[in-house]
Amino acid sequence: MAFFEFNHIKVAGVACAVPKNEVKTESYKPVFGDEEVDKFMAMTGVKASHRTLEHQTCSDLGYRAACELLAHKGIKPEEIGALLFSSHSPDYRRPSTAFVLQHRLGVPEEAVCYDISLGCSSLVVGMQTMASIMSTSDMKYGLLFVGDTAGKSVNPHDRSSAMLFGEAGAVMLLEKTQNEADQIKALVRSDGSGFKYMIIPGGGYRNLHASEEVVMCADGNERTLMNSFIQGTSVFTFTIFDVPRLIKDFWKQTATGPDDYDCFAFHQANLYILKQIAKKTKIPFERLPITLDRYGNTSGASAIVSLCDVYGAGNDNKTIKVMACGFGIGISLGATSFEINTDDILPIMEDDEIYTEGLITNPNQLYEKK
């Protein structure tokens, strides 16, 4: 069992940003019809989402969130010992986006920087990785970036996905402390037999120059090999059986239960799935924040988006116990628990800034003298 327990590591703060561009789900009615859109909203709960501009990335959004969080905490970039970018939406195929963020923020050369290629479970696995690095080093602070711009890879005529995804960038600050009570626990699982359940078949090095011919798929949706594919039935079965089992195993391993947590910050897959998970685990639904109605399925950023939505506007200076859970593409799933002071949860920001230095539209830009 891949269970992890880290002592003297705490979550010192979280922040997130979404694009300013809000897309109402009802706006898809001319494309898919009133009945189809109404049915989709009732099943998934998604009534609106935020989408990035053409050249805007989740690292742009994460950068804004990180700047605000570091300023809030009074921490200088040169104090950061590790920077991880956990996402399926990198700026480039290479190099890792973590290096771009290191440069933009001014994080020192001595810091550990790399990407983790994960989607919906990126927060949990990213926390486990960051805490592992910090617990065996002399660093005090680590910055974890999560988020995706999944809407960019969806075929606009795919009714199963075009209305589902929202886009966000989020950041979590982890800190090494002397306090025995500061703990992070995590349980992680993977099932590679489901790698085809959620996939973009083309564009990687297996099929680099995949055809972009539009094909009518067996589920009645148009896609190309460069678009996202979701096998709905397989994903649904996984979420309502494997995820509740993971949660129960986590509780058994940590000797906790649904009454021990103030907030369940779960991946916002869709409303029906979240209700089924809550029902099977007896989680009080009022303690499981729902944000997909306004922000859509924001992949690995979901948990932080939920925390920022519920607690970001408050000023009550209280410590809450959080259980976060991420599950999806991979197949990958994980659960984690931690405590955080609500004053260190920033409100959701909206931002449309683009890192223009990173936008390369002509190869000769790479040879320009600075």
Protein backbone atom coordinates (compact mmCIF):
# COMPACT_ATOMS: atom_id res chain seq x y z
CA MET A 1 0.00 0.00 0.00
CA ALA A 2 1.44 3.39 -1.02
CA PHE A 3 0.61 5.23 2.21
CA PHE A 4 2.73 8.20 3.27
CA GLU A 5 2.97 10.12 6.54
CA PHE A 6 5.08 13.25 6.84
CA ASN A 7 5.76 14.98 10.15
CA HIS A 8 6.90 18.59 10.61
CA ILE A 9 5.49 19.55 7.18
CA LYS A 10 2.46 21.82 6.91
CA VAL A 11 0.38 23.52 4.23
CA ALA A 12 1.26 27.17 4.78
CA GLY A 13 -1.11 28.61 2.18
CA VAL A 14 -3.05 28.13 -1.05
CA ALA A 15 -4.14 30.44 -3.87
CA CYS A 16 -5.65 30.10 -7.33
CA ALA A 17 -6.52 32.13 -10.39
CA VAL A 18 -8.99 31.59 -13.22
CA PRO A 19 -9.28 33.39 -16.57
CA LYS A 20 -11.58 36.39 -16.77
CA ASN A 21 -13.39 34.86 -19.73
CA GLU A 22 -16.58 33.26 -18.36
CA VAL A 23 -18.52 30.87 -20.59
CA LYS A 24 -22.14 30.12 -19.69
CA THR A 25 -23.18 26.54 -20.39
CA GLU A 26 -26.43 27.82 -21.87
CA SER A 27 -24.40 29.45 -24.64
CA TYR A 28 -23.92 25.97 -26.15
CA LYS A 29 -27.63 25.58 -26.93
CA PRO A 30 -27.22 26.74 -30.55
CA VAL A 31 -24.58 23.99 -30.97
CA PHE A 32 -26.12 21.06 -29.09
CA GLY A 33 -29.79 22.05 -28.69
CA ASP A 34 -31.81 23.08 -25.65
CA GLU A 35 -32.66 19.57 -24.49
CA GLU A 36 -29.09 18.28 -24.65
CA VAL A 37 -27.66 21.27 -22.77
CA ASP A 38 -30.37 21.24 -20.10
CA LYS A 39 -29.79 17.52 -19.57
CA PHE A 40 -26.04 18.09 -19.32
CA MET A 41 -26.44 20.84 -16.70
CA ALA A 42 -28.79 18.72 -14.61
CA MET A 43 -26.44 15.72 -14.64
CA THR A 44 -23.07 17.45 -14.23
CA GLY A 45 -24.06 20.61 -12.37
CA VAL A 46 -21.86 22.74 -14.66
CA LYS A 47 -23.61 26.04 -15.38
CA ALA A 48 -20.53 28.11 -16.24
CA SER A 49 -16.77 27.85 -16.57
CA HIS A 50 -13.75 30.08 -17.18
CA ARG A 51 -11.58 29.61 -20.29
CA THR A 52 -8.11 30.88 -21.11
CA LEU A 53 -7.17 33.12 -24.01
CA GLU A 54 -5.43 31.51 -26.98
CA HIS A 55 -1.87 31.91 -25.69
CA GLN A 56 -2.67 31.91 -21.97
CA THR A 57 -1.55 28.87 -19.96
CA CYS A 58 -2.24 27.46 -16.52
CA SER A 59 1.32 28.45 -15.58
CA ASP A 60 0.32 32.07 -16.25
CA LEU A 61 -2.56 31.64 -13.83
CA GLY A 62 -0.37 29.81 -11.33
CA TYR A 63 2.25 32.55 -11.54
CA ARG A 64 -0.33 35.18 -10.55
CA ALA A 65 -1.52 32.99 -7.68
CA ALA A 66 2.04 32.37 -6.48
CA CYS A 67 2.94 36.07 -6.52
CA GLU A 68 -0.10 36.89 -4.42
CA LEU A 69 0.49 34.02 -1.99
CA LEU A 70 4.18 34.81 -1.43
CA ALA A 71 3.34 38.47 -0.85
CA HIS A 72 0.59 37.48 1.58
CA LYS A 73 3.00 35.27 3.53
CA GLY A 74 5.89 37.72 3.39
CA ILE A 75 8.15 35.10 1.82
CA LYS A 76 10.76 35.97 -0.78
CA PRO A 77 11.22 33.80 -3.90
CA GLU A 78 14.83 33.13 -2.94
CA GLU A 79 13.56 31.26 0.13
CA ILE A 80 11.90 28.59 -2.03
CA GLY A 81 13.85 25.32 -2.06
CA ALA A 82 11.67 23.31 -4.47
CA LEU A 83 9.25 24.19 -7.27
CA LEU A 84 7.09 21.47 -8.81
CA PHE A 85 4.61 21.88 -11.68
CA SER A 86 2.08 19.04 -11.62
CA SER A 87 -0.14 19.19 -14.71
CA HIS A 88 -1.07 17.77 -18.11
CA SER A 89 -0.98 21.27 -19.64
CA PRO A 90 2.67 22.30 -19.92
CA ASP A 91 3.76 25.43 -21.77
CA TYR A 92 5.91 23.35 -24.13
CA ARG A 93 6.67 19.71 -24.93
CA ARG A 94 10.09 20.60 -23.58
CA PRO A 95 11.54 22.06 -21.39
CA SER A 96 9.60 21.50 -18.18
CA THR A 97 7.30 24.37 -17.25
CA ALA A 98 8.79 24.37 -13.74
CA PHE A 99 11.91 26.03 -15.16
CA VAL A 100 9.84 28.79 -16.77
CA LEU A 101 8.13 29.48 -13.44
CA GLN A 102 11.47 29.41 -11.62
CA HIS A 103 12.77 32.09 -13.99
CA ARG A 104 9.64 34.23 -13.79
CA LEU A 105 9.44 34.15 -10.01
CA GLY A 106 13.14 34.52 -9.32
CA VAL A 107 13.47 31.22 -7.46
CA PRO A 108 17.20 30.49 -6.93
CA GLU A 109 19.26 28.16 -9.11
CA GLU A 110 19.87 25.94 -6.09
CA ALA A 111 16.17 24.98 -5.98
CA VAL A 112 14.80 21.62 -7.15
CA CYS A 113 12.57 22.17 -10.21
CA TYR A 114 10.71 19.69 -12.38
CA ASP A 115 7.33 18.74 -13.83
CA ILE A 116 5.01 15.90 -12.85
CA SER A 117 2.76 14.75 -15.69
CA LEU A 118 -0.59 14.22 -13.98
CA GLY A 119 -4.12 15.55 -14.26
CA CYS A 120 -6.94 15.13 -11.77
CA SER A 121 -4.76 13.58 -9.05
CA SER A 122 -1.95 16.11 -9.47
CA LEU A 123 -2.49 17.86 -6.14
CA VAL A 124 -2.35 14.72 -4.00
CA VAL A 125 0.65 13.21 -5.79
CA GLY A 126 2.33 16.61 -5.98
CA MET A 127 1.95 17.07 -2.22
CA GLN A 128 3.34 13.59 -1.56
CA THR A 129 6.33 14.29 -3.81
CA MET A 130 7.01 17.74 -2.37
CA ALA A 131 6.73 16.54 1.23
CA SER A 132 9.12 13.67 0.43
CA ILE A 133 11.69 16.12 -0.96
CA MET A 134 11.35 18.52 1.96
CA SER A 135 11.49 15.88 4.69
CA THR A 136 14.88 14.64 3.45
CA SER A 137 16.48 18.03 2.78
CA ASP A 138 17.42 21.26 4.52
CA MET A 139 14.88 23.41 2.64
CA LYS A 140 12.11 25.25 4.50
CA TYR A 141 9.64 26.08 1.72
CA GLY A 142 8.31 24.35 -1.38
CA LEU A 143 5.92 25.66 -4.06
CA LEU A 144 3.57 23.22 -5.77
CA PHE A 145 1.75 24.34 -8.92
CA VAL A 146 -1.30 22.45 -10.20
CA GLY A 147 -3.91 23.12 -12.87
CA ASP A 148 -4.89 22.44 -16.43
CA THR A 149 -6.28 24.06 -19.55
CA ALA A 150 -8.16 20.97 -20.64
CA GLY A 151 -10.64 22.91 -22.76
CA LYS A 152 -7.92 23.62 -25.33
CA SER A 153 -7.80 19.95 -26.39
CA VAL A 154 -11.56 19.35 -26.60
CA ASN A 155 -13.34 19.15 -29.93
CA PRO A 156 -15.94 21.98 -29.91
CA HIS A 157 -18.58 19.53 -31.16
CA ASP A 158 -17.94 16.97 -28.41
CA ARG A 159 -21.03 17.27 -26.23
CA SER A 160 -19.49 15.02 -23.55
CA SER A 161 -16.57 17.39 -22.90
CA ALA A 162 -17.01 20.79 -24.56
CA MET A 163 -19.23 22.05 -21.74
CA LEU A 164 -17.50 20.21 -18.90
CA PHE A 165 -14.06 21.68 -18.40
CA GLY A 166 -13.05 24.88 -16.70
CA GLU A 167 -9.50 26.18 -16.56
CA ALA A 168 -7.49 27.29 -13.55
CA GLY A 169 -4.02 27.53 -12.10
CA ALA A 170 -3.38 26.97 -8.39
CA VAL A 171 -0.47 26.96 -6.02
CA MET A 172 0.21 25.43 -2.60
CA LEU A 173 2.99 26.54 -0.26
CA LEU A 174 4.45 23.83 1.98
CA GLU A 175 6.62 24.63 4.98
CA LYS A 176 8.92 22.59 7.19
CA THR A 177 8.31 23.30 10.89
CA GLN A 178 9.36 22.21 14.38
CA ASN A 179 5.77 21.46 15.36
CA GLU A 180 4.98 17.78 16.04
CA ALA A 181 1.33 18.40 15.19
CA ASP A 182 2.10 19.46 11.60
CA GLN A 183 1.41 16.40 9.49
CA ILE A 184 0.50 15.48 5.93
CA LYS A 185 -0.82 12.01 5.14
CA ALA A 186 -1.46 10.57 1.69
CA LEU A 187 -2.65 7.37 0.04
CA VAL A 188 -1.94 7.01 -3.69
CA ARG A 189 -3.02 4.38 -6.22
CA SER A 190 -2.60 3.85 -9.95
CA ASP A 191 -4.20 1.57 -12.54
CA GLY A 192 -2.49 1.80 -15.90
CA SER A 193 -4.93 -0.68 -17.47
CA GLY A 194 -7.26 2.31 -17.84
CA PHE A 195 -4.84 4.50 -19.79
CA LYS A 196 -7.27 4.63 -22.72
CA TYR A 197 -10.22 5.82 -20.61
CA MET A 198 -9.11 9.47 -20.78
CA ILE A 199 -6.55 10.16 -23.46
CA ILE A 200 -5.32 12.43 -26.24
CA PRO A 201 -4.00 9.77 -28.65
CA GLY A 202 -2.04 12.05 -30.97
CA GLY A 203 0.70 14.62 -30.55
CA GLY A 204 2.99 12.60 -28.30
CA TYR A 205 6.02 10.69 -29.49
CA ARG A 206 3.96 7.53 -30.10
CA ASN A 207 2.05 9.30 -32.88
CA LEU A 208 3.69 12.69 -33.27
CA HIS A 209 2.12 13.58 -36.63
CA ALA A 210 -1.32 12.10 -36.02
CA SER A 211 -4.09 12.77 -38.50
CA GLU A 212 -6.34 15.69 -37.66
CA GLU A 213 -9.19 14.31 -39.72
CA VAL A 214 -12.48 14.65 -37.90
CA VAL A 215 -14.01 11.23 -37.16
CA MET A 216 -17.49 10.42 -35.89
CA CYS A 217 -16.76 8.27 -32.84
CA ALA A 218 -18.76 5.32 -31.53
CA ASP A 219 -20.31 7.50 -28.81
CA GLY A 220 -21.75 9.91 -31.39
CA ASN A 221 -19.21 12.70 -30.87
CA GLU A 222 -16.87 14.20 -33.45
CA ARG A 223 -13.15 14.16 -32.59
CA THR A 224 -9.68 14.02 -34.08
CA LEU A 225 -6.70 12.14 -32.68
CA MET A 226 -5.51 15.46 -31.26
CA ASN A 227 -8.66 15.84 -29.13
CA SER A 228 -9.47 14.55 -25.66
CA PHE A 229 -11.34 11.25 -25.49
CA ILE A 230 -13.37 10.24 -22.42
CA GLN A 231 -14.90 6.80 -22.19
CA GLY A 232 -17.79 7.82 -19.98
CA THR A 233 -19.03 4.40 -18.84
CA SER A 234 -15.57 3.18 -17.81
CA VAL A 235 -14.79 6.43 -16.00
CA PHE A 236 -18.11 6.40 -14.18
CA THR A 237 -17.58 2.81 -12.99
CA PHE A 238 -14.09 3.68 -11.75
CA THR A 239 -15.25 6.75 -9.83
CA ILE A 240 -18.17 5.18 -8.01
CA PHE A 241 -16.36 1.99 -7.00
CA ASP A 242 -12.62 2.63 -6.76
CA VAL A 243 -12.76 6.13 -5.26
CA PRO A 244 -15.05 5.26 -2.30
CA ARG A 245 -12.84 2.24 -1.59
CA LEU A 246 -9.75 4.48 -1.57
CA ILE A 247 -11.42 6.93 0.82
CA LYS A 248 -12.44 4.17 3.22
CA ASP A 249 -8.96 2.66 3.11
CA PHE A 250 -7.47 6.08 3.87
CA TRP A 251 -9.73 6.46 6.88
CA LYS A 252 -8.79 3.00 8.11
CA GLN A 253 -5.09 3.75 7.72
CA THR A 254 -5.39 7.09 9.54
CA ALA A 255 -7.97 5.97 12.14
CA THR A 256 -10.30 8.75 11.02
CA GLY A 257 -13.76 9.04 9.49
CA PRO A 258 -16.16 11.52 7.95
CA ASP A 259 -16.72 13.30 11.27
CA ASP A 260 -13.02 14.16 11.65
CA TYR A 261 -12.82 16.68 8.80
CA ASP A 262 -14.14 20.21 8.43
CA CYS A 263 -13.92 20.21 4.64
CA PHE A 264 -13.77 17.60 1.89
CA ALA A 265 -12.01 19.32 -1.01
CA PHE A 266 -12.61 16.79 -3.77
CA HIS A 267 -11.93 16.79 -7.48
CA GLN A 268 -14.94 18.33 -9.20
CA ALA A 269 -15.60 15.57 -11.75
CA ASN A 270 -19.34 16.16 -12.01
CA LEU A 271 -22.19 16.64 -9.57
CA TYR A 272 -23.72 13.17 -9.94
CA ILE A 273 -20.38 11.45 -9.30
CA LEU A 274 -19.71 13.59 -6.21
CA LYS A 275 -23.15 12.76 -4.82
CA GLN A 276 -22.54 9.05 -5.36
CA ILE A 277 -19.13 9.21 -3.64
CA ALA A 278 -20.61 11.09 -0.68
CA LYS A 279 -23.47 8.62 -0.41
CA LYS A 280 -21.19 5.58 -0.44
CA THR A 281 -18.80 7.04 2.14
CA LYS A 282 -21.40 8.80 4.32
CA ILE A 283 -19.63 12.14 3.86
CA PRO A 284 -21.95 15.02 4.87
CA PHE A 285 -22.61 16.73 1.55
CA GLU A 286 -22.70 20.16 3.16
CA ARG A 287 -18.99 19.74 3.97
CA LEU A 288 -18.10 18.85 0.38
CA PRO A 289 -17.93 22.21 -1.44
CA ILE A 290 -19.29 22.37 -4.98
CA THR A 291 -17.59 24.79 -7.36
CA LEU A 292 -18.13 23.13 -10.73
CA ASP A 293 -21.43 24.99 -11.11
CA ARG A 294 -19.43 28.22 -11.65
CA TYR A 295 -15.95 26.99 -12.61
CA GLY A 296 -16.51 23.61 -14.27
CA ASN A 297 -14.22 20.62 -13.91
CA THR A 298 -10.85 22.29 -13.22
CA SER A 299 -8.85 19.03 -13.06
CA GLY A 300 -6.04 19.01 -10.47
CA ALA A 301 -6.80 22.55 -9.33
CA SER A 302 -10.31 21.55 -8.18
CA ALA A 303 -9.51 21.08 -4.49
CA ILE A 304 -7.73 24.42 -4.15
CA VAL A 305 -10.44 26.20 -6.15
CA SER A 306 -12.98 24.79 -3.68
CA LEU A 307 -10.97 25.89 -0.64
CA CYS A 308 -10.46 29.39 -2.04
CA ASP A 309 -14.14 29.67 -2.95
CA VAL A 310 -15.38 28.71 0.52
CA TYR A 311 -12.75 30.23 2.79
CA GLY A 312 -10.93 32.83 0.69
CA ALA A 313 -13.20 35.73 1.52
CA GLY A 314 -13.21 35.04 5.25
CA ASN A 315 -11.08 36.55 7.96
CA ASP A 316 -11.76 34.27 10.89
CA ASN A 317 -8.21 33.00 11.56
CA LYS A 318 -9.17 29.42 12.39
CA THR A 319 -7.47 26.13 11.63
CA ILE A 320 -9.48 23.60 9.64
CA LYS A 321 -8.80 19.95 8.90
CA VAL A 322 -9.07 19.15 5.20
CA MET A 323 -9.34 15.90 3.30
CA ALA A 324 -8.57 16.26 -0.39
CA CYS A 325 -9.16 13.61 -3.03
CA GLY A 326 -8.18 13.54 -6.69
CA PHE A 327 -9.08 10.89 -9.25
CA GLY A 328 -9.04 10.51 -13.00
CA ILE A 329 -6.75 10.33 -16.02
CA GLY A 330 -4.05 7.71 -15.69
CA ILE A 331 -5.91 6.07 -14.10
CA SER A 332 -4.60 7.76 -10.97
CA LEU A 333 -6.25 8.41 -7.64
CA GLY A 334 -5.19 9.62 -4.25
CA ALA A 335 -6.36 11.04 -0.93
CA THR A 336 -4.57 13.31 1.50
CA SER A 337 -5.24 15.13 4.76
CA PHE A 338 -3.77 18.31 6.21
CA GLU A 339 -4.57 21.31 8.37
CA ILE A 340 -4.53 24.92 7.20
CA ASN A 341 -5.34 28.30 8.72
CA THR A 342 -8.21 29.94 6.86
CA ASP A 343 -6.32 33.26 6.78
CA ASP A 344 -3.82 31.54 4.49
CA ILE A 345 -6.49 30.65 1.92
CA LEU A 346 -6.69 33.46 -0.61
CA PRO A 347 -9.85 34.36 -2.57
CA ILE A 348 -10.13 33.25 -6.20
CA MET A 349 -8.47 35.72 -8.57
CA GLU A 350 -9.31 36.44 -12.20
CA ASP A 351 -6.44 37.13 -14.56
CA ASP A 352 -5.76 37.38 -18.30
CA GLU A 353 -2.03 38.09 -18.25
CA ILE A 354 0.13 36.20 -20.76
CA TYR A 355 3.87 35.65 -20.46
CA THR A 356 4.78 37.27 -23.76
CA GLU A 357 8.49 36.44 -23.44
CA GLY A 358 7.51 32.77 -23.57
CA LEU A 359 5.36 33.13 -26.71
CA ILE A 360 7.56 31.99 -29.60
CA THR A 361 5.90 32.27 -33.01
CA ASN A 362 9.08 32.35 -35.12
CA PRO A 363 12.15 30.11 -34.52
CA ASN A 364 14.46 33.08 -35.01
CA GLN A 365 13.08 34.61 -31.82
CA LEU A 366 15.24 32.05 -30.04
CA TYR A 367 18.34 33.73 -31.40
CA GLU A 368 17.44 37.29 -30.51
CA LYS A 369 19.96 39.02 -28.26
CA LYS A 370 18.65 40.11 -24.88
